[in-house]
PDB file of N, CA and C in Angstrom:
ATOM      1  N   MET A   1     -13.015  22.791 208.117  1.00  0.00           N
ATOM      2  CA  MET A   1     -11.797  23.504 207.809  1.00  0.00           C
ATOM      3  C   MET A   1     -10.724  23.139 208.883  1.00  0.00           C
ATOM      4  N   PHE A   2      -9.542  23.007 208.445  1.00  0.00           N
ATOM      5  CA  PHE A   2      -8.448  22.672 209.351  1.00  0.00           C
ATOM      6  C   PHE A   2      -8.045  23.937 210.090  1.00  0.00           C
ATOM      7  N   ASP A   3      -8.129  23.877 211.348  1.00  0.00           N
ATOM      8  CA  ASP A   3      -7.830  25.005 212.279  1.00  0.00           C
ATOM      9  C   ASP A   3      -6.413  24.855 212.792  1.00  0.00           C
ATOM     10  N   TRP A   4      -5.402  25.446 212.189  1.00  0.00           N
ATOM     11  CA  TRP A   4      -4.072  25.284 212.557  1.00  0.00           C
ATOM     12  C   TRP A   4      -3.816  25.787 213.966  1.00  0.00           C
ATOM     13  N   GLU A   5      -4.488  26.776 214.431  1.00  0.00           N
ATOM     14  CA  GLU A   5      -4.343  27.347 215.792  1.00  0.00           C
ATOM     15  C   GLU A   5      -4.724  26.233 216.843  1.00  0.00           C
ATOM     16  N   ALA A   6      -5.662  25.442 216.552  1.00  0.00           N
ATOM     17  CA  ALA A   6      -6.151  24.391 217.451  1.00  0.00           C
ATOM     18  C   ALA A   6      -5.359  23.111 217.292  1.00  0.00           C
ATOM     19  N   ARG A   7      -4.984  22.716 216.080  1.00  0.00           N
ATOM     20  CA  ARG A   7      -4.436  21.447 215.812  1.00  0.00           C
ATOM     21  C   ARG A   7      -2.893  21.380 215.738  1.00  0.00           C
ATOM     22  N   GLU A   8      -2.271  22.514 215.433  1.00  0.00           N
ATOM     23  CA  GLU A   8      -0.763  22.508 215.383  1.00  0.00           C
ATOM     24  C   GLU A   8      -0.187  23.682 216.219  1.00  0.00           C
ATOM     25  N   GLN A   9      -0.648  23.774 217.413  1.00  0.00           N
ATOM     26  CA  GLN A   9      -0.254  24.878 218.240  1.00  0.00           C
ATOM     27  C   GLN A   9       1.350  25.057 218.389  1.00  0.00           C
ATOM     28  N   ALA A  10       2.017  23.938 218.522  1.00  0.00           N
ATOM     29  CA  ALA A  10       3.426  24.005 218.723  1.00  0.00           C
ATOM     30  C   ALA A  10       4.127  24.560 217.443  1.00  0.00           C
ATOM     31  N   GLU A  11       3.549  24.308 216.324  1.00  0.00           N
ATOM     32  CA  GLU A  11       4.236  24.810 215.094  1.00  0.00           C
ATOM     33  C   GLU A  11       3.949  26.300 214.865  1.00  0.00           C
ATOM     34  N   TYR A  12       2.935  26.824 215.398  1.00  0.00           N
ATOM     35  CA  TYR A  12       2.563  28.243 215.090  1.00  0.00           C
ATOM     36  C   TYR A  12       2.417  29.049 216.346  1.00  0.00           C
ATOM     37  N   SER A  13       3.442  28.843 217.235  1.00  0.00           N
ATOM     38  CA  SER A  13       3.400  29.559 218.523  1.00  0.00           C
ATOM     39  C   SER A  13       3.650  31.024 218.332  1.00  0.00           C
ATOM     40  N   ARG A  14       2.938  31.857 219.144  1.00  0.00           N
ATOM     41  CA  ARG A  14       3.144  33.272 219.150  1.00  0.00           C
ATOM     42  C   ARG A  14       4.026  33.684 220.347  1.00  0.00           C
ATOM     43  N   SER A  15       4.774  32.798 220.863  1.00  0.00           N
ATOM     44  CA  SER A  15       5.632  33.060 222.049  1.00  0.00           C
ATOM     45  C   SER A  15       6.722  34.069 221.619  1.00  0.00           C
ATOM     46  N   THR A  16       7.105  34.920 222.569  1.00  0.00           N
ATOM     47  CA  THR A  16       8.175  35.836 222.299  1.00  0.00           C
ATOM     48  C   THR A  16       9.563  35.207 222.453  1.00  0.00           C
ATOM     49  N   HIS A  17       9.550  33.963 222.998  1.00  0.00           N
ATOM     50  CA  HIS A  17      10.838  33.212 223.251  1.00  0.00           C
ATOM     51  C   HIS A  17      11.162  32.407 221.990  1.00  0.00           C
ATOM     52  N   VAL A  18      12.424  32.427 221.550  1.00  0.00           N
ATOM     53  CA  VAL A  18      12.853  31.619 220.425  1.00  0.00           C
ATOM     54  C   VAL A  18      12.751  30.099 220.824  1.00  0.00           C
ATOM     55  N   SER A  19      12.237  29.312 219.861  1.00  0.00           N
ATOM     56  CA  SER A  19      12.206  27.878 220.151  1.00  0.00           C
ATOM     57  C   SER A  19      12.228  27.180 218.815  1.00  0.00           C
ATOM     58  N   PHE A  20      12.447  25.857 218.845  1.00  0.00           N
ATOM     59  CA  PHE A  20      12.530  25.089 217.665  1.00  0.00           C
ATOM     60  C   PHE A  20      11.484  23.994 217.756  1.00  0.00           C
ATOM     61  N   VAL A  21      10.776  23.738 216.604  1.00  0.00           N
ATOM     62  CA  VAL A  21       9.845  22.745 216.600  1.00  0.00           C
ATOM     63  C   VAL A  21      10.112  21.750 215.458  1.00  0.00           C
ATOM     64  N   GLU A  22       9.590  20.511 215.575  1.00  0.00           N
ATOM     65  CA  GLU A  22       9.744  19.540 214.526  1.00  0.00           C
ATOM     66  C   GLU A  22       8.432  19.654 213.647  1.00  0.00           C
ATOM     67  N   LEU A  23       8.568  20.064 212.434  1.00  0.00           N
ATOM     68  CA  LEU A  23       7.452  20.244 211.594  1.00  0.00           C
ATOM     69  C   LEU A  23       6.979  18.876 211.055  1.00  0.00           C
ATOM     70  N   THR A  24       5.659  18.742 210.783  1.00  0.00           N
ATOM     71  CA  THR A  24       5.116  17.567 210.209  1.00  0.00           C
ATOM     72  C   THR A  24       5.450  17.659 208.711  1.00  0.00           C
ATOM     73  N   LYS A  25       5.233  16.540 208.004  1.00  0.00           N
ATOM     74  CA  LYS A  25       5.559  16.494 206.585  1.00  0.00           C
ATOM     75  C   LYS A  25       4.731  17.544 205.837  1.00  0.00           C
ATOM     76  N   ARG A  26       5.348  18.241 204.870  1.00  0.00           N
ATOM     77  CA  ARG A  26       4.731  19.228 204.088  1.00  0.00           C
ATOM     78  C   ARG A  26       4.914  18.878 202.577  1.00  0.00           C
ATOM     79  N   SER A  27       3.980  19.274 201.792  1.00  0.00           N
ATOM     80  CA  SER A  27       4.127  19.105 200.296  1.00  0.00           C
ATOM     81  C   SER A  27       3.853  20.466 199.697  1.00  0.00           C
ATOM     82  N   TYR A  28       4.586  20.756 198.671  1.00  0.00           N
ATOM     83  CA  TYR A  28       4.430  22.088 198.065  1.00  0.00           C
ATOM     84  C   TYR A  28       4.435  21.947 196.586  1.00  0.00           C
ATOM     85  N   LEU A  29       3.664  22.818 195.921  1.00  0.00           N
ATOM     86  CA  LEU A  29       3.720  22.875 194.473  1.00  0.00           C
ATOM     87  C   LEU A  29       4.763  23.916 194.124  1.00  0.00           C
ATOM     88  N   THR A  30       5.696  23.590 193.243  1.00  0.00           N
ATOM     89  CA  THR A  30       6.674  24.572 192.773  1.00  0.00           C
ATOM     90  C   THR A  30       6.891  24.541 191.267  1.00  0.00           C
ATOM     91  N   ALA A  31       7.456  25.568 190.747  1.00  0.00           N
ATOM     92  CA  ALA A  31       7.880  25.594 189.308  1.00  0.00           C
ATOM     93  C   ALA A  31       9.413  25.995 189.408  1.00  0.00           C
ATOM     94  N   SER A  32      10.191  25.333 188.581  1.00  0.00           N
ATOM     95  CA  SER A  32      11.611  25.613 188.578  1.00  0.00           C
ATOM     96  C   SER A  32      12.002  26.465 187.382  1.00  0.00           C
ATOM     97  N   GLY A  33      13.197  27.096 187.544  1.00  0.00           N
ATOM     98  CA  GLY A  33      13.666  27.919 186.466  1.00  0.00           C
ATOM     99  C   GLY A  33      14.165  29.262 187.066  1.00  0.00           C
ATOM    100  N   THR A  34      14.550  30.177 186.161  1.00  0.00           N
ATOM    101  CA  THR A  34      14.960  31.514 186.544  1.00  0.00           C
ATOM    102  C   THR A  34      14.052  32.513 185.870  1.00  0.00           C
ATOM    103  N   ALA A  35      13.887  33.696 186.498  1.00  0.00           N
ATOM    104  CA  ALA A  35      13.102  34.712 185.935  1.00  0.00           C
ATOM    105  C   ALA A  35      13.692  36.066 186.319  1.00  0.00           C
ATOM    106  N   PRO A  36      14.751  36.466 185.729  1.00  0.00           N
ATOM    107  CA  PRO A  36      15.422  37.738 186.111  1.00  0.00           C
ATOM    108  C   PRO A  36      14.471  38.938 186.097  1.00  0.00           C
ATOM    109  N   LYS A  37      13.493  38.952 185.225  1.00  0.00           N
ATOM    110  CA  LYS A  37      12.565  40.084 185.117  1.00  0.00           C
ATOM    111  C   LYS A  37      11.327  39.825 185.983  1.00  0.00           C
ATOM    112  N   ARG A  38      11.335  38.691 186.583  1.00  0.00           N
ATOM    113  CA  ARG A  38      10.161  38.323 187.507  1.00  0.00           C
ATOM    114  C   ARG A  38       8.787  38.503 186.774  1.00  0.00           C
ATOM    115  N   THR A  39       7.977  39.419 187.346  1.00  0.00           N
ATOM    116  CA  THR A  39       6.648  39.562 186.836  1.00  0.00           C
ATOM    117  C   THR A  39       6.553  40.152 185.375  1.00  0.00           C
ATOM    118  N   ALA A  40       7.736  40.527 184.826  1.00  0.00           N
ATOM    119  CA  ALA A  40       7.748  40.972 183.471  1.00  0.00           C
ATOM    120  C   ALA A  40       8.118  39.786 182.531  1.00  0.00           C
ATOM    121  N   ASP A  41       8.345  38.622 183.059  1.00  0.00           N
ATOM    122  CA  ASP A  41       8.781  37.489 182.390  1.00  0.00           C
ATOM    123  C   ASP A  41       7.621  36.584 182.057  1.00  0.00           C
ATOM    124  N   PRO A  42       7.242  36.437 180.710  1.00  0.00           N
ATOM    125  CA  PRO A  42       6.027  35.625 180.355  1.00  0.00           C
ATOM    126  C   PRO A  42       6.144  34.213 180.802  1.00  0.00           C
ATOM    127  N   THR A  43       7.349  33.586 180.727  1.00  0.00           N
ATOM    128  CA  THR A  43       7.478  32.153 181.226  1.00  0.00           C
ATOM    129  C   THR A  43       7.202  32.024 182.675  1.00  0.00           C
ATOM    130  N   PHE A  44       7.731  32.990 183.488  1.00  0.00           N
ATOM    131  CA  PHE A  44       7.421  33.009 184.946  1.00  0.00           C
ATOM    132  C   PHE A  44       5.932  33.135 185.174  1.00  0.00           C
ATOM    133  N   LEU A  45       5.273  34.052 184.455  1.00  0.00           N
ATOM    134  CA  LEU A  45       3.868  34.258 184.644  1.00  0.00           C
ATOM    135  C   LEU A  45       3.086  33.040 184.226  1.00  0.00           C
ATOM    136  N   ALA A  46       3.450  32.293 183.220  1.00  0.00           N
ATOM    137  CA  ALA A  46       2.727  31.109 182.822  1.00  0.00           C
ATOM    138  C   ALA A  46       2.869  30.022 183.807  1.00  0.00           C
ATOM    139  N   LYS A  47       4.114  29.883 184.370  1.00  0.00           N
ATOM    140  CA  LYS A  47       4.342  28.860 185.390  1.00  0.00           C
ATOM    141  C   LYS A  47       3.639  29.231 186.694  1.00  0.00           C
ATOM    142  N   ALA A  48       3.594  30.509 187.099  1.00  0.00           N
ATOM    143  CA  ALA A  48       2.853  30.900 188.273  1.00  0.00           C
ATOM    144  C   ALA A  48       1.371  30.649 188.109  1.00  0.00           C
ATOM    145  N   ALA A  49       0.837  30.918 186.928  1.00  0.00           N
ATOM    146  CA  ALA A  49      -0.553  30.696 186.687  1.00  0.00           C
ATOM    147  C   ALA A  49      -0.870  29.170 186.702  1.00  0.00           C
ATOM    148  N   ALA A  50       0.043  28.335 186.186  1.00  0.00           N
ATOM    149  CA  ALA A  50      -0.183  26.861 186.255  1.00  0.00           C
ATOM    150  C   ALA A  50      -0.181  26.391 187.684  1.00  0.00           C
ATOM    151  N   VAL A  51       0.801  26.776 188.500  1.00  0.00           N
ATOM    152  CA  VAL A  51       0.806  26.336 189.900  1.00  0.00           C
ATOM    153  C   VAL A  51      -0.387  26.839 190.696  1.00  0.00           C
ATOM    154  N   THR A  52      -0.849  28.090 190.427  1.00  0.00           N
ATOM    155  CA  THR A  52      -2.034  28.596 190.986  1.00  0.00           C
ATOM    156  C   THR A  52      -3.314  27.761 190.656  1.00  0.00           C
ATOM    157  N   LYS A  53      -3.421  27.420 189.384  1.00  0.00           N
ATOM    158  CA  LYS A  53      -4.539  26.631 188.882  1.00  0.00           C
ATOM    159  C   LYS A  53      -4.525  25.248 189.546  1.00  0.00           C
ATOM    160  N   LEU A  54      -3.377  24.607 189.621  1.00  0.00           N
ATOM    161  CA  LEU A  54      -3.283  23.267 190.215  1.00  0.00           C
ATOM    162  C   LEU A  54      -3.606  23.426 191.795  1.00  0.00           C
ATOM    163  N   ALA A  55      -3.182  24.364 192.474  1.00  0.00           N
ATOM    164  CA  ALA A  55      -3.520  24.596 193.808  1.00  0.00           C
ATOM    165  C   ALA A  55      -5.005  24.715 194.023  1.00  0.00           C
ATOM    166  N   GLN A  56      -5.676  25.478 193.124  1.00  0.00           N
ATOM    167  CA  GLN A  56      -7.070  25.682 193.258  1.00  0.00           C
ATOM    168  C   GLN A  56      -7.831  24.297 193.046  1.00  0.00           C
ATOM    169  N   LEU A  57      -7.352  23.524 192.042  1.00  0.00           N
ATOM    170  CA  LEU A  57      -8.004  22.276 191.746  1.00  0.00           C
ATOM    171  C   LEU A  57      -7.845  21.288 192.962  1.00  0.00           C
ATOM    172  N   ILE A  58      -6.625  21.227 193.558  1.00  0.00           N
ATOM    173  CA  ILE A  58      -6.420  20.394 194.707  1.00  0.00           C
ATOM    174  C   ILE A  58      -7.282  20.827 195.884  1.00  0.00           C
ATOM    175  N   SER A  59      -7.393  22.133 196.079  1.00  0.00           N
ATOM    176  CA  SER A  59      -8.210  22.629 197.250  1.00  0.00           C
ATOM    177  C   SER A  59      -9.673  22.370 197.075  1.00  0.00           C
ATOM    178  N   GLU A  60     -10.134  22.211 195.876  1.00  0.00           N
ATOM    179  CA  GLU A  60     -11.547  21.999 195.582  1.00  0.00           C
ATOM    180  C   GLU A  60     -11.805  20.481 195.547  1.00  0.00           C
ATOM    181  N   GLY A  61     -10.814  19.640 195.478  1.00  0.00           N
ATOM    182  CA  GLY A  61     -10.981  18.224 195.383  1.00  0.00           C
ATOM    183  C   GLY A  61     -11.904  17.578 196.403  1.00  0.00           C
ATOM    184  N   PRO A  62     -11.622  17.789 197.714  1.00  0.00           N
ATOM    185  CA  PRO A  62     -12.565  17.192 198.792  1.00  0.00           C
ATOM    186  C   PRO A  62     -13.954  17.563 198.628  1.00  0.00           C
ATOM    187  N   LYS A  63     -14.253  18.817 198.146  1.00  0.00           N
ATOM    188  CA  LYS A  63     -15.601  19.273 197.971  1.00  0.00           C
ATOM    189  C   LYS A  63     -16.283  18.546 196.865  1.00  0.00           C
ATOM    190  N   ALA A  64     -15.505  18.028 195.910  1.00  0.00           N
ATOM    191  CA  ALA A  64     -16.043  17.281 194.793  1.00  0.00           C
ATOM    192  C   ALA A  64     -16.017  15.766 194.996  1.00  0.00           C
ATOM    193  N   GLY A  65     -15.674  15.375 196.228  1.00  0.00           N
ATOM    194  CA  GLY A  65     -15.621  13.942 196.513  1.00  0.00           C
ATOM    195  C   GLY A  65     -14.275  13.325 196.170  1.00  0.00           C
ATOM    196  N   ILE A  66     -13.286  14.095 195.796  1.00  0.00           N
ATOM    197  CA  ILE A  66     -11.992  13.530 195.454  1.00  0.00           C
ATOM    198  C   ILE A  66     -11.066  13.567 196.605  1.00  0.00           C
ATOM    199  N   GLU A  67     -10.731  12.350 197.074  1.00  0.00           N
ATOM    200  CA  GLU A  67      -9.868  12.336 198.235  1.00  0.00           C
ATOM    201  C   GLU A  67      -8.413  12.716 197.934  1.00  0.00           C
ATOM    202  N   VAL A  68      -7.862  13.633 198.632  1.00  0.00           N
ATOM    203  CA  VAL A  68      -6.424  14.026 198.467  1.00  0.00           C
ATOM    204  C   VAL A  68      -5.716  13.706 199.791  1.00  0.00           C
ATOM    205  N   PRO A  69      -4.905  12.565 199.797  1.00  0.00           N
ATOM    206  CA  PRO A  69      -4.281  12.140 200.998  1.00  0.00           C
ATOM    207  C   PRO A  69      -3.446  13.267 201.669  1.00  0.00           C
ATOM    208  N   GLY A  70      -3.636  13.432 202.907  1.00  0.00           N
ATOM    209  CA  GLY A  70      -2.898  14.417 203.705  1.00  0.00           C
ATOM    210  C   GLY A  70      -3.379  15.907 203.446  1.00  0.00           C
ATOM    211  N   PHE A  71      -4.448  16.083 202.674  1.00  0.00           N
ATOM    212  CA  PHE A  71      -4.926  17.434 202.414  1.00  0.00           C
ATOM    213  C   PHE A  71      -5.502  18.078 203.677  1.00  0.00           C
ATOM    214  N   LYS A  72      -5.177  19.328 203.939  1.00  0.00           N
ATOM    215  CA  LYS A  72      -5.716  20.131 205.040  1.00  0.00           C
ATOM    216  C   LYS A  72      -6.311  21.392 204.423  1.00  0.00           C
ATOM    217  N   ASP A  73      -7.521  21.683 204.687  1.00  0.00           N
ATOM    218  CA  ASP A  73      -8.147  22.861 204.181  1.00  0.00           C
ATOM    219  C   ASP A  73      -7.948  23.992 205.223  1.00  0.00           C
ATOM    220  N   TYR A  74      -6.988  24.903 204.876  1.00  0.00           N
ATOM    221  CA  TYR A  74      -6.687  25.978 205.787  1.00  0.00           C
ATOM    222  C   TYR A  74      -7.595  27.150 205.640  1.00  0.00           C
TER     223      TYR A  74
END
């Protein structure tokens, strides 16, 4: 498992002093659109479920022998 506290200490500092760090490249799964009713909006819920399912599949990839470039298991 990727230990962010050990490998990315500068990015996740608990210092009480304000500081700026240069973050490494990040990739995110997103769904676009608007959802004024948020969790009462069926389209929003469907998109959220799809993003969640994709995230689960990606996170399980390395365990199934599927290499995901840049994947870090947090």
